Amino acid sequence: MFSFALSGLLFLRIKEHSFLLFYERNVAFTANVFVHGISRRTWKKD
């Protein structure tokens, strides 16, 4: 029973970690697109 609970906790931790990694990657990607979009607009203005 103890080992089962431990493995469950470990699985949750891994799931949480991968979700955080996915979230961080998404945020970075969105920020990159946003910045590139702004720089493109300023280039068009010139």
PDB file of N, CA and C in Angstrom:
ATOM      1  N   MET A   1       0.841  -1.200   0.000  1.00  0.00           N
ATOM      2  CA  MET A   1       0.000   0.000   0.000  1.00  0.00           C
ATOM      3  C   MET A   1       0.880   1.255   0.000  1.00  0.00           C
ATOM      4  N   PHE A   2       1.935   1.242   0.806  1.00  0.00           N
ATOM      5  CA  PHE A   2       2.805   2.416   0.893  1.00  0.00           C
ATOM      6  C   PHE A   2       3.498   2.683  -0.441  1.00  0.00           C
ATOM      7  N   SER A   3       4.023   1.612  -1.062  1.00  0.00           N
ATOM      8  CA  SER A   3       4.732   1.774  -2.328  1.00  0.00           C
ATOM      9  C   SER A   3       3.771   2.268  -3.415  1.00  0.00           C
ATOM     10  N   PHE A   4       2.513   1.833  -3.347  1.00  0.00           N
ATOM     11  CA  PHE A   4       1.515   2.268  -4.324  1.00  0.00           C
ATOM     12  C   PHE A   4       1.278   3.768  -4.211  1.00  0.00           C
ATOM     13  N   ALA A   5       1.149   4.238  -2.962  1.00  0.00           N
ATOM     14  CA  ALA A   5       0.934   5.663  -2.731  1.00  0.00           C
ATOM     15  C   ALA A   5       2.159   6.455  -3.192  1.00  0.00           C
ATOM     16  N   LEU A   6       3.336   5.902  -2.952  1.00  0.00           N
ATOM     17  CA  LEU A   6       4.564   6.581  -3.329  1.00  0.00           C
ATOM     18  C   LEU A   6       4.656   6.731  -4.847  1.00  0.00           C
ATOM     19  N   SER A   7       4.338   5.627  -5.566  1.00  0.00           N
ATOM     20  CA  SER A   7       4.399   5.678  -7.024  1.00  0.00           C
ATOM     21  C   SER A   7       3.357   6.653  -7.564  1.00  0.00           C
ATOM     22  N   GLY A   8       2.192   6.713  -6.880  1.00  0.00           N
ATOM     23  CA  GLY A   8       1.161   7.651  -7.301  1.00  0.00           C
ATOM     24  C   GLY A   8       1.633   9.091  -7.149  1.00  0.00           C
ATOM     25  N   LEU A   9       2.290   9.362  -6.022  1.00  0.00           N
ATOM     26  CA  LEU A   9       2.830  10.702  -5.785  1.00  0.00           C
ATOM     27  C   LEU A   9       3.872  11.056  -6.847  1.00  0.00           C
ATOM     28  N   LEU A  10       4.748  10.105  -7.134  1.00  0.00           N
ATOM     29  CA  LEU A  10       5.795  10.316  -8.122  1.00  0.00           C
ATOM     30  C   LEU A  10       5.188  10.624  -9.482  1.00  0.00           C
ATOM     31  N   PHE A  11       4.154   9.847  -9.855  1.00  0.00           N
ATOM     32  CA  PHE A  11       3.483  10.057 -11.140  1.00  0.00           C
ATOM     33  C   PHE A  11       2.888  11.452 -11.200  1.00  0.00           C
ATOM     34  N   LEU A  12       2.264  11.879 -10.113  1.00  0.00           N
ATOM     35  CA  LEU A  12       1.667  13.222 -10.074  1.00  0.00           C
ATOM     36  C   LEU A  12       2.740  14.290 -10.235  1.00  0.00           C
ATOM     37  N   ARG A  13       3.861  14.072  -9.577  1.00  0.00           N
ATOM     38  CA  ARG A  13       4.954  15.044  -9.668  1.00  0.00           C
ATOM     39  C   ARG A  13       5.471  15.156 -11.103  1.00  0.00           C
ATOM     40  N   ILE A  14       5.622  13.994 -11.755  1.00  0.00           N
ATOM     41  CA  ILE A  14       6.114  13.986 -13.129  1.00  0.00           C
ATOM     42  C   ILE A  14       5.110  14.672 -14.053  1.00  0.00           C
ATOM     43  N   LYS A  15       3.822  14.371 -13.833  1.00  0.00           N
ATOM     44  CA  LYS A  15       2.778  14.992 -14.651  1.00  0.00           C
ATOM     45  C   LYS A  15       2.808  16.511 -14.467  1.00  0.00           C
ATOM     46  N   GLU A  16       2.897  16.933 -13.219  1.00  0.00           N
ATOM     47  CA  GLU A  16       2.929  18.358 -12.901  1.00  0.00           C
ATOM     48  C   GLU A  16       4.129  19.018 -13.569  1.00  0.00           C
ATOM     49  N   HIS A  17       5.279  18.354 -13.499  1.00  0.00           N
ATOM     50  CA  HIS A  17       6.506  18.898 -14.064  1.00  0.00           C
ATOM     51  C   HIS A  17       6.387  19.062 -15.579  1.00  0.00           C
ATOM     52  N   SER A  18       5.872  18.024 -16.251  1.00  0.00           N
ATOM     53  CA  SER A  18       5.746  18.093 -17.704  1.00  0.00           C
ATOM     54  C   SER A  18       4.754  19.177 -18.094  1.00  0.00           C
ATOM     55  N   PHE A  19       3.692  19.340 -17.287  1.00  0.00           N
ATOM     56  CA  PHE A  19       2.714  20.388 -17.574  1.00  0.00           C
ATOM     57  C   PHE A  19       3.360  21.763 -17.453  1.00  0.00           C
ATOM     58  N   LEU A  20       4.178  21.940 -16.408  1.00  0.00           N
ATOM     59  CA  LEU A  20       4.854  23.217 -16.218  1.00  0.00           C
ATOM     60  C   LEU A  20       5.803  23.495 -17.377  1.00  0.00           C
ATOM     61  N   LEU A  21       6.530  22.456 -17.820  1.00  0.00           N
ATOM     62  CA  LEU A  21       7.443  22.621 -18.946  1.00  0.00           C
ATOM     63  C   LEU A  21       6.662  23.023 -20.193  1.00  0.00           C
ATOM     64  N   PHE A  22       5.543  22.350 -20.432  1.00  0.00           N
ATOM     65  CA  PHE A  22       4.705  22.642 -21.590  1.00  0.00           C
ATOM     66  C   PHE A  22       4.191  24.077 -21.510  1.00  0.00           C
ATOM     67  N   TYR A  23       3.754  24.488 -20.317  1.00  0.00           N
ATOM     68  CA  TYR A  23       3.227  25.833 -20.110  1.00  0.00           C
ATOM     69  C   TYR A  23       4.306  26.879 -20.367  1.00  0.00           C
ATOM     70  N   GLU A  24       5.511  26.638 -19.825  1.00  0.00           N
ATOM     71  CA  GLU A  24       6.613  27.584 -20.015  1.00  0.00           C
ATOM     72  C   GLU A  24       6.960  27.716 -21.493  1.00  0.00           C
ATOM     73  N   ARG A  25       6.981  26.562 -22.203  1.00  0.00           N
ATOM     74  CA  ARG A  25       7.312  26.581 -23.623  1.00  0.00           C
ATOM     75  C   ARG A  25       6.267  27.372 -24.394  1.00  0.00           C
ATOM     76  N   ASN A  26       5.001  27.188 -24.025  1.00  0.00           N
ATOM     77  CA  ASN A  26       3.918  27.904 -24.696  1.00  0.00           C
ATOM     78  C   ASN A  26       4.043  29.401 -24.468  1.00  0.00           C
ATOM     79  N   VAL A  27       4.327  29.794 -23.235  1.00  0.00           N
ATOM     80  CA  VAL A  27       4.460  31.211 -22.903  1.00  0.00           C
ATOM     81  C   VAL A  27       5.622  31.823 -23.681  1.00  0.00           C
ATOM     82  N   ALA A  28       6.751  31.102 -23.736  1.00  0.00           N
ATOM     83  CA  ALA A  28       7.918  31.606 -24.460  1.00  0.00           C
ATOM     84  C   ALA A  28       7.598  31.748 -25.941  1.00  0.00           C
ATOM     85  N   PHE A  29       6.918  30.767 -26.494  1.00  0.00           N
ATOM     86  CA  PHE A  29       6.563  30.790 -27.913  1.00  0.00           C
ATOM     87  C   PHE A  29       5.639  31.974 -28.204  1.00  0.00           C
ATOM     88  N   THR A  30       4.632  32.162 -27.356  1.00  0.00           N
ATOM     89  CA  THR A  30       3.693  33.269 -27.538  1.00  0.00           C
ATOM     90  C   THR A  30       4.409  34.608 -27.453  1.00  0.00           C
ATOM     91  N   ALA A  31       5.331  34.728 -26.498  1.00  0.00           N
ATOM     92  CA  ALA A  31       6.079  35.974 -26.344  1.00  0.00           C
ATOM     93  C   ALA A  31       6.931  36.233 -27.583  1.00  0.00           C
ATOM     94  N   ASN A  32       7.558  35.184 -28.117  1.00  0.00           N
ATOM     95  CA  ASN A  32       8.373  35.335 -29.325  1.00  0.00           C
ATOM     96  C   ASN A  32       7.541  35.824 -30.488  1.00  0.00           C
ATOM     97  N   VAL A  33       6.391  35.184 -30.703  1.00  0.00           N
ATOM     98  CA  VAL A  33       5.503  35.571 -31.801  1.00  0.00           C
ATOM     99  C   VAL A  33       5.058  37.018 -31.623  1.00  0.00           C
ATOM    100  N   PHE A  34       4.708  37.377 -30.401  1.00  0.00           N
ATOM    101  CA  PHE A  34       4.248  38.725 -30.094  1.00  0.00           C
ATOM    102  C   PHE A  34       5.332  39.751 -30.426  1.00  0.00           C
ATOM    103  N   VAL A  35       6.557  39.472 -29.963  1.00  0.00           N
ATOM    104  CA  VAL A  35       7.672  40.401 -30.197  1.00  0.00           C
ATOM    105  C   VAL A  35       7.966  40.514 -31.683  1.00  0.00           C
ATOM    106  N   HIS A  36       7.962  39.365 -32.379  1.00  0.00           N
ATOM    107  CA  HIS A  36       8.235  39.393 -33.809  1.00  0.00           C
ATOM    108  C   HIS A  36       7.152  40.175 -34.547  1.00  0.00           C
ATOM    109  N   GLY A  37       5.903  40.014 -34.122  1.00  0.00           N
ATOM    110  CA  GLY A  37       4.799  40.744 -34.750  1.00  0.00           C
ATOM    111  C   GLY A  37       4.981  42.241 -34.569  1.00  0.00           C
ATOM    112  N   ILE A  38       5.383  42.671 -33.376  1.00  0.00           N
ATOM    113  CA  ILE A  38       5.582  44.097 -33.104  1.00  0.00           C
ATOM    114  C   ILE A  38       6.743  44.634 -33.949  1.00  0.00           C
ATOM    115  N   SER A  39       7.847  43.887 -34.004  1.00  0.00           N
ATOM    116  CA  SER A  39       9.003  44.363 -34.772  1.00  0.00           C
ATOM    117  C   SER A  39       8.660  44.439 -36.258  1.00  0.00           C
ATOM    118  N   ARG A  40       7.846  43.497 -36.744  1.00  0.00           N
ATOM    119  CA  ARG A  40       7.444  43.538 -38.156  1.00  0.00           C
ATOM    120  C   ARG A  40       6.615  44.775 -38.430  1.00  0.00           C
ATOM    121  N   ARG A  41       5.727  45.118 -37.503  1.00  0.00           N
ATOM    122  CA  ARG A  41       4.878  46.303 -37.684  1.00  0.00           C
ATOM    123  C   ARG A  41       5.732  47.566 -37.709  1.00  0.00           C
ATOM    124  N   THR A  42       6.708  47.652 -36.820  1.00  0.00           N
ATOM    125  CA  THR A  42       7.549  48.850 -36.793  1.00  0.00           C
ATOM    126  C   THR A  42       8.380  48.931 -38.071  1.00  0.00           C
ATOM    127  N   TRP A  43       8.822  47.762 -38.577  1.00  0.00           N
ATOM    128  CA  TRP A  43       9.584  47.762 -39.828  1.00  0.00           C
ATOM    129  C   TRP A  43       8.715  48.265 -40.968  1.00  0.00           C
ATOM    130  N   LYS A  44       7.451  47.841 -40.997  1.00  0.00           N
ATOM    131  CA  LYS A  44       6.550  48.270 -42.067  1.00  0.00           C
ATOM    132  C   LYS A  44       6.327  49.778 -42.007  1.00  0.00           C
ATOM    133  N   LYS A  45       6.273  50.309 -40.790  1.00  0.00           N
ATOM    134  CA  LYS A  45       6.062  51.755 -40.627  1.00  0.00           C
ATOM    135  C   LYS A  45       7.212  52.533 -41.265  1.00  0.00           C
ATOM    136  N   ASP A  46       8.442  52.033 -41.084  1.00  0.00           N
ATOM    137  CA  ASP A  46       9.596  52.717 -41.668  1.00  0.00           C
ATOM    138  C   ASP A  46       9.581  52.489 -43.180  1.00  0.00           C
TER     139      ASP A  46
END
